[in-house]
């Protein structure tokens, strides 16, 4: 909402409420899908590391405790056996097998996918923040318009009440003038009508007073809470 030189209130064009809420729901849905994909990739990555670690353990176990090794117990304690075990361990620690290269390639692809999804997730979060900010601005603008509308309604009620009071004064003056004439008849219907108008005006004023008292009580309560 903005004001021009003449003081008139102009509204900026905005999307309908239904379309805006549909857009927000779509963004939240995309965010949930991206989050689910990230969790799935993390789970696959964890399983891949576990499989590689278990495979290395199995290979070392087979080397040390196979039937062939058990049939030659004299080799245990020899330097040849220690050198053989050391060579296997060095191969696992310092070199990469073909399976390791494949795993590394798969891991790099997963990392690249994670980076892409992370960027998408960040963009979605930024869009959500932007839309929430726009929504807050629209709500604030709507609240201002509602206040203006309430003020105009109150002004209209005041003008209507003043008009009724003036009509009553005119009717009263007319009856005073008529009463000065001896042949004048008492307008009972007019008097009853004026009484009903007075009752309606009093009821309206009582409602307005009750509303003002309630608003004053709320403001006083909020002030006391802050103090």
Protein backbone atom coordinates (compact mmCIF):
# COMPACT_ATOMS: atom_id res chain seq x y z
CA UNK A 1 0.00 0.00 0.00
CA UNK A 2 1.34 3.48 -0.90
CA UNK A 3 0.10 7.08 -1.13
CA UNK A 4 0.49 9.43 -4.10
CA UNK A 5 0.69 13.24 -4.13
CA UNK A 6 -3.08 13.68 -3.83
CA UNK A 7 -3.14 11.53 -0.67
CA UNK A 8 -5.12 8.68 -2.22
CA UNK A 9 -4.31 5.16 -1.17
CA UNK A 10 -3.10 2.90 -4.00
CA UNK A 11 -2.74 -0.88 -3.73
CA UNK A 12 0.02 -2.87 -5.37
CA UNK A 13 -1.17 -5.81 -7.47
CA UNK A 14 -0.70 -9.15 -5.74
CA UNK A 15 -1.49 -12.79 -6.34
CA UNK A 16 -4.83 -14.22 -5.17
CA UNK A 17 -4.74 -15.97 -1.80
CA UNK A 18 -5.47 -19.41 -3.25
CA UNK A 19 -2.68 -19.15 -5.82
CA UNK A 20 -0.20 -17.86 -3.25
CA UNK A 21 -0.96 -20.68 -0.78
CA UNK A 22 -0.70 -23.25 -3.59
CA UNK A 23 2.72 -21.86 -4.48
CA UNK A 24 3.87 -22.11 -0.84
CA UNK A 25 2.66 -25.71 -0.58
CA UNK A 26 4.57 -26.60 -3.76
CA UNK A 27 7.80 -25.11 -2.37
CA UNK A 28 7.46 -26.98 0.94
CA UNK A 29 6.81 -30.22 -0.98
CA UNK A 30 9.95 -29.73 -3.09
CA UNK A 31 11.95 -29.05 0.07
CA UNK A 32 10.74 -32.32 1.63
CA UNK A 33 11.69 -34.25 -1.51
CA UNK A 34 15.20 -32.75 -1.53
CA UNK A 35 15.62 -33.56 2.14
CA UNK A 36 14.53 -37.17 1.56
CA UNK A 37 17.03 -37.52 -1.31
CA UNK A 38 19.84 -36.19 0.88
CA UNK A 39 19.01 -38.73 3.58
CA UNK A 40 18.95 -41.55 1.03
CA UNK A 41 22.35 -40.53 -0.38
CA UNK A 42 23.86 -40.34 3.12
CA UNK A 43 22.53 -43.83 3.91
CA UNK A 44 24.02 -45.28 0.69
CA UNK A 45 27.34 -43.63 1.42
CA UNK A 46 27.42 -45.14 4.91
CA UNK A 47 26.62 -48.63 3.60
CA UNK A 48 29.33 -48.31 0.94
CA UNK A 49 31.97 -47.55 3.58
CA UNK A 50 30.78 -50.44 5.74
CA UNK A 51 30.97 -52.87 2.80
CA UNK A 52 34.51 -51.78 1.92
CA UNK A 53 35.68 -52.09 5.53
CA UNK A 54 34.10 -55.53 5.91
CA UNK A 55 35.63 -56.69 2.61
CA UNK A 56 39.13 -55.75 3.79
CA UNK A 57 38.59 -57.61 7.06
CA UNK A 58 37.41 -60.71 5.19
CA UNK A 59 40.45 -60.70 2.89
CA UNK A 60 42.88 -60.48 5.81
CA UNK A 61 40.98 -63.19 7.68
CA UNK A 62 41.11 -65.52 4.66
CA UNK A 63 44.84 -64.92 4.31
CA UNK A 64 45.61 -65.82 7.92
CA UNK A 65 43.03 -68.47 8.73
CA UNK A 66 42.33 -70.43 5.54
CA UNK A 67 42.67 -74.21 5.41
CA UNK A 68 45.95 -73.89 3.50
CA UNK A 69 47.47 -71.84 6.30
CA UNK A 70 46.20 -74.26 8.93
CA UNK A 71 47.81 -77.24 7.14
CA UNK A 72 51.25 -75.60 7.43
CA UNK A 73 51.53 -74.61 11.09
CA UNK A 74 55.31 -74.47 10.81
CA UNK A 75 55.03 -71.31 8.72
CA UNK A 76 53.52 -69.36 11.60
CA UNK A 77 56.35 -67.61 13.37
CA UNK A 78 58.50 -67.50 10.22
CA UNK A 79 59.61 -64.21 8.71
CA UNK A 80 58.04 -65.20 5.42
CA UNK A 81 54.60 -65.29 7.00
CA UNK A 82 55.06 -61.88 8.64
CA UNK A 83 56.33 -60.39 5.41
CA UNK A 84 53.34 -61.81 3.55
CA UNK A 85 50.90 -60.36 6.10
CA UNK A 86 52.74 -57.05 6.05
CA UNK A 87 52.54 -56.93 2.27
CA UNK A 88 48.77 -57.54 2.34
CA UNK A 89 48.27 -54.86 4.97
CA UNK A 90 50.38 -52.38 3.02
CA UNK A 91 48.35 -53.09 -0.08
CA UNK A 92 45.12 -52.31 1.77
CA UNK A 93 46.55 -49.26 3.49
CA UNK A 94 48.73 -47.62 0.84
CA UNK A 95 47.29 -48.77 -2.46
CA UNK A 96 43.92 -48.80 -4.15
CA UNK A 97 42.40 -51.81 -5.83
CA UNK A 98 40.01 -51.66 -8.76
CA UNK A 99 37.07 -51.95 -6.41
CA UNK A 100 38.44 -49.04 -4.45
CA UNK A 101 38.62 -46.94 -7.59
CA UNK A 102 35.05 -47.83 -8.45
CA UNK A 103 33.96 -46.96 -4.93
CA UNK A 104 35.81 -43.66 -5.11
CA UNK A 105 34.15 -42.83 -8.42
CA UNK A 106 30.74 -43.65 -6.98
CA UNK A 107 31.51 -41.60 -3.90
CA UNK A 108 32.54 -38.61 -6.01
CA UNK A 109 29.28 -38.88 -7.95
CA UNK A 110 27.35 -39.02 -4.69
CA UNK A 111 29.24 -36.00 -3.36
CA UNK A 112 28.48 -34.08 -6.54
CA UNK A 113 24.82 -35.01 -6.23
CA UNK A 114 24.83 -33.93 -2.59
CA UNK A 115 26.32 -30.54 -3.55
CA UNK A 116 23.65 -30.03 -6.21
CA UNK A 117 20.85 -30.95 -3.83
CA UNK A 118 22.35 -28.73 -1.13
CA UNK A 119 22.34 -25.78 -3.51
CA UNK A 120 18.74 -26.53 -4.48
CA UNK A 121 17.80 -26.78 -0.81
CA UNK A 122 19.46 -23.43 -0.09
CA UNK A 123 17.63 -21.78 -2.97
CA UNK A 124 14.32 -23.22 -1.78
CA UNK A 125 14.97 -21.93 1.73
CA UNK A 126 15.74 -18.46 0.36
CA UNK A 127 12.52 -18.51 -1.66
CA UNK A 128 10.56 -19.58 1.40
CA UNK A 129 12.04 -16.73 3.43
CA UNK A 130 11.24 -14.27 0.64
CA UNK A 131 7.66 -15.51 0.35
CA UNK A 132 7.18 -15.41 4.11
CA UNK A 133 8.44 -11.83 4.11
CA UNK A 134 6.06 -10.93 1.29
CA UNK A 135 3.22 -12.67 3.11
CA UNK A 136 3.97 -10.71 6.28
CA UNK A 137 3.96 -7.46 4.28
CA UNK A 138 0.62 -8.38 2.69
CA UNK A 139 -0.86 -9.23 6.09
CA UNK A 140 0.36 -5.92 7.49
CA UNK A 141 -1.13 -4.09 4.52
CA UNK A 142 -4.41 -5.94 4.96
CA UNK A 143 -4.47 -5.05 8.66
CA UNK A 144 -4.01 -1.38 7.75
CA UNK A 145 -6.87 -1.56 5.27
CA UNK A 146 -9.09 -3.22 7.87
CA UNK A 147 -8.32 -0.41 10.31
CA UNK A 148 -9.17 2.19 7.67
CA UNK A 149 -12.41 0.37 6.88
CA UNK A 150 -13.31 0.22 10.58
CA UNK A 151 -12.65 3.95 10.91
CA UNK A 152 -14.85 4.69 7.90
CA UNK A 153 -17.64 2.53 9.32
CA UNK A 154 -17.43 4.38 12.63
CA UNK A 155 -17.54 7.71 10.81
CA UNK A 156 -20.58 6.54 8.86
CA UNK A 157 -22.33 5.53 12.08
CA UNK A 158 -21.58 8.93 13.60
CA UNK A 159 -22.93 10.76 10.56
CA UNK A 160 -26.05 8.59 10.57
CA UNK A 161 -26.61 9.26 14.27
CA UNK A 162 -26.17 13.00 13.77
CA UNK A 163 -28.64 12.92 10.90
CA UNK A 164 -31.22 11.12 13.04
CA UNK A 165 -30.76 13.62 15.86
CA UNK A 166 -31.27 16.53 13.45
CA UNK A 167 -34.42 14.89 12.10
CA UNK A 168 -35.71 14.54 15.64
CA UNK A 169 -35.04 18.22 16.31
CA UNK A 170 -36.91 19.19 13.15
CA UNK A 171 -39.87 17.00 14.13
CA UNK A 172 -39.89 18.48 17.61
CA UNK A 173 -39.88 22.04 16.26
CA UNK A 174 -42.69 21.13 13.88
CA UNK A 175 -44.81 19.79 16.74
CA UNK A 176 -44.15 22.94 18.77
CA UNK A 177 -45.33 25.06 15.87
CA UNK A 178 -48.41 22.90 15.40
CA UNK A 179 -49.23 23.04 19.10
CA UNK A 180 -49.49 26.84 18.89
CA UNK A 181 -52.49 26.44 16.62
CA UNK A 182 -55.70 25.72 18.48
CA UNK A 183 -57.10 23.51 15.73
CA UNK A 184 -53.94 21.41 15.44
CA UNK A 185 -54.18 17.67 16.15
CA UNK A 186 -51.63 15.71 18.11
CA UNK A 187 -49.51 13.56 15.78
CA UNK A 188 -49.28 10.43 17.91
CA UNK A 189 -47.75 8.33 15.14
CA UNK A 190 -44.98 10.86 14.65
CA UNK A 191 -44.25 10.90 18.36
CA UNK A 192 -44.05 7.09 18.50
CA UNK A 193 -41.75 7.07 15.50
CA UNK A 194 -39.44 9.62 17.10
CA UNK A 195 -39.35 7.59 20.31
CA UNK A 196 -38.32 4.47 18.40
CA UNK A 197 -35.58 6.44 16.67
CA UNK A 198 -34.33 7.69 20.03
CA UNK A 199 -34.28 4.14 21.41
CA UNK A 200 -32.28 2.91 18.40
CA UNK A 201 -29.80 5.76 18.79
CA UNK A 202 -29.37 4.99 22.49
CA UNK A 203 -28.79 1.28 21.78
CA UNK A 204 -26.19 2.12 19.16
CA UNK A 205 -24.40 4.46 21.55
CA UNK A 206 -24.46 1.82 24.30
CA UNK A 207 -22.87 -0.77 21.98
CA UNK A 208 -20.17 1.69 20.97
CA UNK A 209 -19.47 2.52 24.61
CA UNK A 210 -19.17 -1.20 25.46
CA UNK A 211 -16.72 -1.69 22.60
CA UNK A 212 -14.62 1.26 23.71
CA UNK A 213 -14.58 0.02 27.31
CA UNK A 214 -13.43 -3.44 26.19
CA UNK A 215 -10.65 -1.94 24.05
CA UNK A 216 -9.57 0.25 26.96
CA UNK A 217 -9.49 -2.74 29.32
CA UNK A 218 -7.33 -4.73 26.89
CA UNK A 219 -4.91 -1.83 26.49
CA UNK A 220 -4.69 -1.34 30.26
CA UNK A 221 -4.06 -5.06 30.79
CA UNK A 222 -1.28 -5.09 28.17
CA UNK A 223 0.32 -2.02 29.75
CA UNK A 224 0.24 -3.60 33.22
CA UNK A 225 1.84 -6.80 31.86
CA UNK A 226 4.69 -4.79 30.34
CA UNK A 227 5.25 -2.89 33.57
